[in-house]
Amino acid sequence: MMLAEGSAVHVRKLRPDGSQAFAWDGVVLRCDESGIVLRAQFNVDLVDLGFTTFRRGDEFIEFYYWDPSSSGTSNTGRSGMAVDAGRGAPHLADAPALVRYYNVFQISSPEGTLKGWYCNLGLPAQLDPESCELSYVDLALDIWANPDGSFVVLDEDELAVLLEQHPELAHAAHQGRTDLINLVEAQRLPRWTKVTTAADPGRTD
């Protein structure tokens, strides 16, 4: 079972022990057997990260990927979303199926100016279509990519600590880090260019 465009979704970012780190709400832009794209709005006045600044009203287009070993039609909703490498609206299933240990947020100002991409290392997302809840396990490391192709890798020390505590996640973490850096260096991160007009209750961390 998939969610229709415009459906409200509650997103939960989890720690490896299953506890919740953050939660926010978004709206479905696309959902199929290969994955889901959401729109949300940042609803904190100002967050200055040094390399970029998030402000209230910034638009987050969030790309999540399922585990390709599952069908994507069950309540856990796990399947394989292929990232779109083009500069148009993503075609979620046009790349070979593989496990993508990350998700990607495309971030723009309320006026539509692209700020960049915030890439999160994490396990494939899981969807419960009955409760409209999407969750993923975060693996600490992040990458910020600017529109000009420059980028910064964040929180590698936190990843090292996480892997000391959860060595079973080492393969996912190393594979996801390698894949993300390859995408960033090739400037092939997903980009949503369709106009998004659906109302949503906002995004918050």
C-alpha atoms as a PDB file:
ATOM      1  CA  MET A   1       0.000   0.000   0.000  1.00  0.00           C
ATOM      2  CA  MET A   2       1.357   3.408  -0.995  1.00  0.00           C
ATOM      3  CA  LEU A   3       0.463   6.906   0.149  1.00  0.00           C
ATOM      4  CA  ALA A   4      -1.265   9.305  -2.220  1.00  0.00           C
ATOM      5  CA  GLU A   5       0.264  12.606  -3.222  1.00  0.00           C
ATOM      6  CA  GLY A   6      -0.737  15.232  -0.668  1.00  0.00           C
ATOM      7  CA  SER A   7      -1.021  12.757   2.214  1.00  0.00           C
ATOM      8  CA  ALA A   8       0.267  13.944   5.573  1.00  0.00           C
ATOM      9  CA  VAL A   9       3.189  11.972   7.000  1.00  0.00           C
ATOM     10  CA  HIS A  10       4.766  11.956  10.450  1.00  0.00           C
ATOM     11  CA  VAL A  11       8.532  11.413  10.242  1.00  0.00           C
ATOM     12  CA  ARG A  12      10.553   9.926  13.106  1.00  0.00           C
ATOM     13  CA  LYS A  13      14.340  10.059  13.216  1.00  0.00           C
ATOM     14  CA  LEU A  14      15.506   7.234  15.474  1.00  0.00           C
ATOM     15  CA  ARG A  15      18.719   6.355  17.277  1.00  0.00           C
ATOM     16  CA  PRO A  16      20.129   2.842  16.823  1.00  0.00           C
ATOM     17  CA  ASP A  17      18.562   1.796  20.138  1.00  0.00           C
ATOM     18  CA  GLY A  18      15.119   2.670  18.773  1.00  0.00           C
ATOM     19  CA  SER A  19      14.618   5.835  20.803  1.00  0.00           C
ATOM     20  CA  GLN A  20      13.387   8.945  19.024  1.00  0.00           C
ATOM     21  CA  ALA A  21      15.838  11.760  18.324  1.00  0.00           C
ATOM     22  CA  PHE A  22      13.523  14.120  16.407  1.00  0.00           C
ATOM     23  CA  ALA A  23      10.100  14.099  14.773  1.00  0.00           C
ATOM     24  CA  TRP A  24       8.366  16.346  12.266  1.00  0.00           C
ATOM     25  CA  ASP A  25       5.506  16.389   9.778  1.00  0.00           C
ATOM     26  CA  GLY A  26       5.500  16.574   6.008  1.00  0.00           C
ATOM     27  CA  VAL A  27       3.394  16.019   2.905  1.00  0.00           C
ATOM     28  CA  VAL A  28       3.876  13.366   0.214  1.00  0.00           C
ATOM     29  CA  LEU A  29       5.065  14.591  -3.182  1.00  0.00           C
ATOM     30  CA  ARG A  30       5.619  11.096  -4.574  1.00  0.00           C
ATOM     31  CA  CYS A  31       5.373   7.571  -3.193  1.00  0.00           C
ATOM     32  CA  ASP A  32       5.713   4.303  -5.105  1.00  0.00           C
ATOM     33  CA  GLU A  33       7.221   0.850  -4.820  1.00  0.00           C
ATOM     34  CA  SER A  34      10.677   2.369  -4.988  1.00  0.00           C
ATOM     35  CA  GLY A  35      10.463   5.156  -2.420  1.00  0.00           C
ATOM     36  CA  ILE A  36       8.983   8.382  -1.129  1.00  0.00           C
ATOM     37  CA  VAL A  37       9.608  12.128  -1.477  1.00  0.00           C
ATOM     38  CA  LEU A  38       8.193  14.538   1.098  1.00  0.00           C
ATOM     39  CA  ARG A  39       7.855  18.292   1.429  1.00  0.00           C
ATOM     40  CA  ALA A  40       8.144  20.004   4.810  1.00  0.00           C
ATOM     41  CA  GLN A  41       8.813  23.502   6.090  1.00  0.00           C
ATOM     42  CA  PHE A  42      11.377  24.495   8.679  1.00  0.00           C
ATOM     43  CA  ASN A  43       9.542  26.128  11.566  1.00  0.00           C
ATOM     44  CA  VAL A  44      12.339  27.318  13.832  1.00  0.00           C
ATOM     45  CA  ASP A  45      13.214  31.019  13.590  1.00  0.00           C
ATOM     46  CA  LEU A  46      16.949  30.616  12.943  1.00  0.00           C
ATOM     47  CA  VAL A  47      19.575  27.867  13.041  1.00  0.00           C
ATOM     48  CA  ASP A  48      23.085  28.981  12.080  1.00  0.00           C
ATOM     49  CA  LEU A  49      25.309  25.978  11.356  1.00  0.00           C
ATOM     50  CA  GLY A  50      28.272  28.034  10.214  1.00  0.00           C
ATOM     51  CA  PHE A  51      28.361  26.553   6.712  1.00  0.00           C
ATOM     52  CA  THR A  52      24.688  27.432   6.120  1.00  0.00           C
ATOM     53  CA  THR A  53      21.713  28.985   7.870  1.00  0.00           C
ATOM     54  CA  PHE A  54      18.198  27.598   8.152  1.00  0.00           C
ATOM     55  CA  ARG A  55      15.314  30.001   8.699  1.00  0.00           C
ATOM     56  CA  ARG A  56      11.613  29.696   9.346  1.00  0.00           C
ATOM     57  CA  GLY A  57       9.786  28.868   6.139  1.00  0.00           C
ATOM     58  CA  ASP A  58      12.723  27.170   4.395  1.00  0.00           C
ATOM     59  CA  GLU A  59      11.462  24.350   2.187  1.00  0.00           C
ATOM     60  CA  PHE A  60      12.780  20.829   2.733  1.00  0.00           C
ATOM     61  CA  ILE A  61      12.280  18.288  -0.052  1.00  0.00           C
ATOM     62  CA  GLU A  62      13.161  15.005   1.593  1.00  0.00           C
ATOM     63  CA  PHE A  63      14.177  11.925  -0.403  1.00  0.00           C
ATOM     64  CA  TYR A  64      13.920   8.577   1.410  1.00  0.00           C
ATOM     65  CA  TYR A  65      14.897   5.163   0.125  1.00  0.00           C
ATOM     66  CA  TRP A  66      13.545   1.702   0.946  1.00  0.00           C
ATOM     67  CA  ASP A  67      15.386  -1.586   1.330  1.00  0.00           C
ATOM     68  CA  PRO A  68      15.213  -3.312  -2.103  1.00  0.00           C
ATOM     69  CA  SER A  69      14.893  -6.751  -0.492  1.00  0.00           C
ATOM     70  CA  SER A  70      11.248  -5.996   0.363  1.00  0.00           C
ATOM     71  CA  SER A  71       8.249  -5.276  -1.820  1.00  0.00           C
ATOM     72  CA  GLY A  72       7.343  -1.865  -0.452  1.00  0.00           C
ATOM     73  CA  THR A  73       3.667  -2.812  -0.121  1.00  0.00           C
ATOM     74  CA  SER A  74       3.559  -4.120   3.434  1.00  0.00           C
ATOM     75  CA  ASN A  75       3.013  -2.103   6.585  1.00  0.00           C
ATOM     76  CA  THR A  76       6.762  -1.827   7.047  1.00  0.00           C
ATOM     77  CA  GLY A  77       6.885  -0.463   3.538  1.00  0.00           C
ATOM     78  CA  ARG A  78      10.452  -1.473   2.732  1.00  0.00           C
ATOM     79  CA  SER A  79      11.603  -1.457  -0.853  1.00  0.00           C
ATOM     80  CA  GLY A  80      14.386   0.054  -2.940  1.00  0.00           C
ATOM     81  CA  MET A  81      14.201   3.635  -4.110  1.00  0.00           C
ATOM     82  CA  ALA A  82      16.631   4.534  -6.822  1.00  0.00           C
ATOM     83  CA  VAL A  83      17.970   8.066  -6.553  1.00  0.00           C
ATOM     84  CA  ASP A  84      17.384  10.309  -9.526  1.00  0.00           C
ATOM     85  CA  ALA A  85      20.643  11.608 -10.900  1.00  0.00           C
ATOM     86  CA  GLY A  86      19.110  14.221 -13.163  1.00  0.00           C
ATOM     87  CA  ARG A  87      18.169  17.800 -12.583  1.00  0.00           C
ATOM     88  CA  GLY A  88      14.444  17.361 -13.146  1.00  0.00           C
ATOM     89  CA  ALA A  89      11.776  15.771 -10.966  1.00  0.00           C
ATOM     90  CA  PRO A  90      13.134  12.450  -9.693  1.00  0.00           C
ATOM     91  CA  HIS A  91      12.282   9.170 -11.379  1.00  0.00           C
ATOM     92  CA  LEU A  92      12.549   7.020  -8.307  1.00  0.00           C
ATOM     93  CA  ALA A  93      12.968   3.632  -9.938  1.00  0.00           C
ATOM     94  CA  ASP A  94      15.212   4.269 -12.918  1.00  0.00           C
ATOM     95  CA  ALA A  95      18.493   3.143 -11.333  1.00  0.00           C
ATOM     96  CA  PRO A  96      19.629  -0.364 -10.325  1.00  0.00           C
ATOM     97  CA  ALA A  97      18.165  -1.606  -7.061  1.00  0.00           C
ATOM     98  CA  LEU A  98      20.642  -1.433  -4.201  1.00  0.00           C
ATOM     99  CA  VAL A  99      20.516  -0.608  -0.532  1.00  0.00           C
ATOM    100  CA  ARG A 100      20.952   3.113   0.009  1.00  0.00           C
ATOM    101  CA  TYR A 101      22.116   3.817   3.529  1.00  0.00           C
ATOM    102  CA  TYR A 102      21.233   7.487   3.461  1.00  0.00           C
ATOM    103  CA  ASN A 103      18.516  10.040   2.831  1.00  0.00           C
ATOM    104  CA  VAL A 104      18.842  13.468   1.259  1.00  0.00           C
ATOM    105  CA  PHE A 105      17.129  16.772   2.032  1.00  0.00           C
ATOM    106  CA  GLN A 106      17.088  19.452  -0.666  1.00  0.00           C
ATOM    107  CA  ILE A 107      16.747  22.810   1.090  1.00  0.00           C
ATOM    108  CA  SER A 108      15.581  26.089  -0.437  1.00  0.00           C
ATOM    109  CA  SER A 109      14.574  29.495   0.880  1.00  0.00           C
ATOM    110  CA  PRO A 110      10.863  30.405   0.946  1.00  0.00           C
ATOM    111  CA  GLU A 111      11.512  32.362  -2.271  1.00  0.00           C
ATOM    112  CA  GLY A 112      12.810  29.232  -3.983  1.00  0.00           C
ATOM    113  CA  THR A 113      16.573  29.873  -3.899  1.00  0.00           C
ATOM    114  CA  LEU A 114      18.419  26.585  -3.506  1.00  0.00           C
ATOM    115  CA  LYS A 115      20.610  26.592  -0.390  1.00  0.00           C
ATOM    116  CA  GLY A 116      22.010  23.081  -0.758  1.00  0.00           C
ATOM    117  CA  TRP A 117      21.536  19.477   0.305  1.00  0.00           C
ATOM    118  CA  TYR A 118      21.721  18.014   3.792  1.00  0.00           C
ATOM    119  CA  CYS A 119      22.587  14.324   3.454  1.00  0.00           C
ATOM    120  CA  ASN A 120      21.987  11.986   6.369  1.00  0.00           C
ATOM    121  CA  LEU A 121      23.720   8.641   6.818  1.00  0.00           C
ATOM    122  CA  GLY A 122      21.026   6.197   7.931  1.00  0.00           C
ATOM    123  CA  LEU A 123      19.336   2.861   7.451  1.00  0.00           C
ATOM    124  CA  PRO A 124      16.606   2.519   4.792  1.00  0.00           C
ATOM    125  CA  ALA A 125      13.377   4.190   5.818  1.00  0.00           C
ATOM    126  CA  GLN A 126      10.310   2.252   6.888  1.00  0.00           C
ATOM    127  CA  LEU A 127       6.723   3.292   6.247  1.00  0.00           C
ATOM    128  CA  ASP A 128       3.539   2.282   8.052  1.00  0.00           C
ATOM    129  CA  PRO A 129       0.847   3.371   5.569  1.00  0.00           C
ATOM    130  CA  GLU A 130      -1.959   2.784   8.097  1.00  0.00           C
ATOM    131  CA  SER A 131      -0.601   5.298  10.591  1.00  0.00           C
ATOM    132  CA  CYS A 132       1.151   7.407   7.909  1.00  0.00           C
ATOM    133  CA  GLU A 133       4.364   7.195   9.910  1.00  0.00           C
ATOM    134  CA  LEU A 134       7.797   7.138   8.305  1.00  0.00           C
ATOM    135  CA  SER A 135      10.886   6.282  10.354  1.00  0.00           C
ATOM    136  CA  TYR A 136      14.576   5.727   9.833  1.00  0.00           C
ATOM    137  CA  VAL A 137      17.598   4.969  12.019  1.00  0.00           C
ATOM    138  CA  ASP A 138      20.146   7.775  11.842  1.00  0.00           C
ATOM    139  CA  LEU A 139      23.852   6.865  11.728  1.00  0.00           C
ATOM    140  CA  ALA A 140      25.242  10.206  12.950  1.00  0.00           C
ATOM    141  CA  LEU A 141      27.375  11.284   9.983  1.00  0.00           C
ATOM    142  CA  ASP A 142      26.031  14.037   7.718  1.00  0.00           C
ATOM    143  CA  ILE A 143      27.245  15.803   4.599  1.00  0.00           C
ATOM    144  CA  TRP A 144      26.330  19.341   3.583  1.00  0.00           C
ATOM    145  CA  ALA A 145      26.624  19.990  -0.163  1.00  0.00           C
ATOM    146  CA  ASN A 146      26.503  23.459  -1.689  1.00  0.00           C
ATOM    147  CA  PRO A 147      25.016  24.175  -5.132  1.00  0.00           C
ATOM    148  CA  ASP A 148      28.524  25.017  -6.422  1.00  0.00           C
ATOM    149  CA  GLY A 149      29.698  21.460  -5.703  1.00  0.00           C
ATOM    150  CA  SER A 150      31.686  22.170  -2.538  1.00  0.00           C
ATOM    151  CA  PHE A 151      30.786  20.129   0.538  1.00  0.00           C
ATOM    152  CA  VAL A 152      31.684  19.397   4.128  1.00  0.00           C
ATOM    153  CA  VAL A 153      31.542  16.056   5.948  1.00  0.00           C
ATOM    154  CA  LEU A 154      30.107  16.413   9.452  1.00  0.00           C
ATOM    155  CA  ASP A 155      30.113  14.430  12.688  1.00  0.00           C
ATOM    156  CA  GLU A 156      32.678  11.766  11.803  1.00  0.00           C
ATOM    157  CA  ASP A 157      33.637  11.637  15.484  1.00  0.00           C
ATOM    158  CA  GLU A 158      30.019  10.879  16.387  1.00  0.00           C
ATOM    159  CA  LEU A 159      29.954   8.093  13.806  1.00  0.00           C
ATOM    160  CA  ALA A 160      33.083   6.554  15.341  1.00  0.00           C
ATOM    161  CA  VAL A 161      31.446   6.525  18.771  1.00  0.00           C
ATOM    162  CA  LEU A 162      28.241   5.064  17.343  1.00  0.00           C
ATOM    163  CA  LEU A 163      30.133   2.217  15.671  1.00  0.00           C
ATOM    164  CA  GLU A 164      31.973   1.420  18.889  1.00  0.00           C
ATOM    165  CA  GLN A 165      28.578   0.955  20.504  1.00  0.00           C
ATOM    166  CA  HIS A 166      26.929  -0.738  17.508  1.00  0.00           C
ATOM    167  CA  PRO A 167      29.592  -2.577  15.464  1.00  0.00           C
ATOM    168  CA  GLU A 168      26.836  -4.429  13.591  1.00  0.00           C
ATOM    169  CA  LEU A 169      26.136  -1.165  11.754  1.00  0.00           C
ATOM    170  CA  ALA A 170      29.674  -0.813  10.389  1.00  0.00           C
ATOM    171  CA  HIS A 171      28.893  -2.165   6.914  1.00  0.00           C
ATOM    172  CA  ALA A 172      25.870   0.106   6.456  1.00  0.00           C
ATOM    173  CA  ALA A 173      27.787   3.138   7.727  1.00  0.00           C
ATOM    174  CA  HIS A 174      30.868   2.628   5.560  1.00  0.00           C
ATOM    175  CA  GLN A 175      28.851   1.800   2.447  1.00  0.00           C
ATOM    176  CA  GLY A 176      26.532   4.759   2.956  1.00  0.00           C
ATOM    177  CA  ARG A 177      29.429   7.154   3.537  1.00  0.00           C
ATOM    178  CA  THR A 178      31.181   5.977   0.368  1.00  0.00           C
ATOM    179  CA  ASP A 179      28.012   6.198  -1.731  1.00  0.00           C
ATOM    180  CA  LEU A 180      27.128   9.668  -0.441  1.00  0.00           C
ATOM    181  CA  ILE A 181      30.590  11.095  -1.075  1.00  0.00           C
ATOM    182  CA  ASN A 182      30.547   9.631  -4.580  1.00  0.00           C
ATOM    183  CA  LEU A 183      27.172  11.274  -5.277  1.00  0.00           C
ATOM    184  CA  VAL A 184      28.277  14.605  -3.852  1.00  0.00           C
ATOM    185  CA  GLU A 185      31.591  14.657  -5.724  1.00  0.00           C
ATOM    186  CA  ALA A 186      29.792  13.812  -8.969  1.00  0.00           C
ATOM    187  CA  GLN A 187      27.166  16.496  -8.214  1.00  0.00           C
ATOM    188  CA  ARG A 188      24.454  13.891  -8.747  1.00  0.00           C
ATOM    189  CA  LEU A 189      22.332  14.436  -5.656  1.00  0.00           C
ATOM    190  CA  PRO A 190      18.571  14.303  -6.263  1.00  0.00           C
ATOM    191  CA  ARG A 191      16.848  17.554  -7.143  1.00  0.00           C
ATOM    192  CA  TRP A 192      13.134  18.220  -7.192  1.00  0.00           C
ATOM    193  CA  THR A 193      12.184  21.027  -9.550  1.00  0.00           C
ATOM    194  CA  LYS A 194       8.401  20.745  -9.652  1.00  0.00           C
ATOM    195  CA  VAL A 195       6.413  23.518  -8.026  1.00  0.00           C
ATOM    196  CA  THR A 196       5.241  22.416  -4.589  1.00  0.00           C
ATOM    197  CA  THR A 197       1.994  24.009  -3.468  1.00  0.00           C
ATOM    198  CA  ALA A 198       0.477  21.501  -1.049  1.00  0.00           C
ATOM    199  CA  ALA A 199      -0.019  22.916   2.434  1.00  0.00           C
ATOM    200  CA  ASP A 200       1.834  21.162   5.222  1.00  0.00           C
ATOM    201  CA  PRO A 201       2.126  21.620   8.981  1.00  0.00           C
ATOM    202  CA  GLY A 202       5.853  22.330   8.909  1.00  0.00           C
ATOM    203  CA  ARG A 203       9.156  20.715   9.781  1.00  0.00           C
ATOM    204  CA  THR A 204      11.053  21.024  13.020  1.00  0.00           C
ATOM    205  CA  ASP A 205      14.052  19.475  14.713  1.00  0.00           C
END
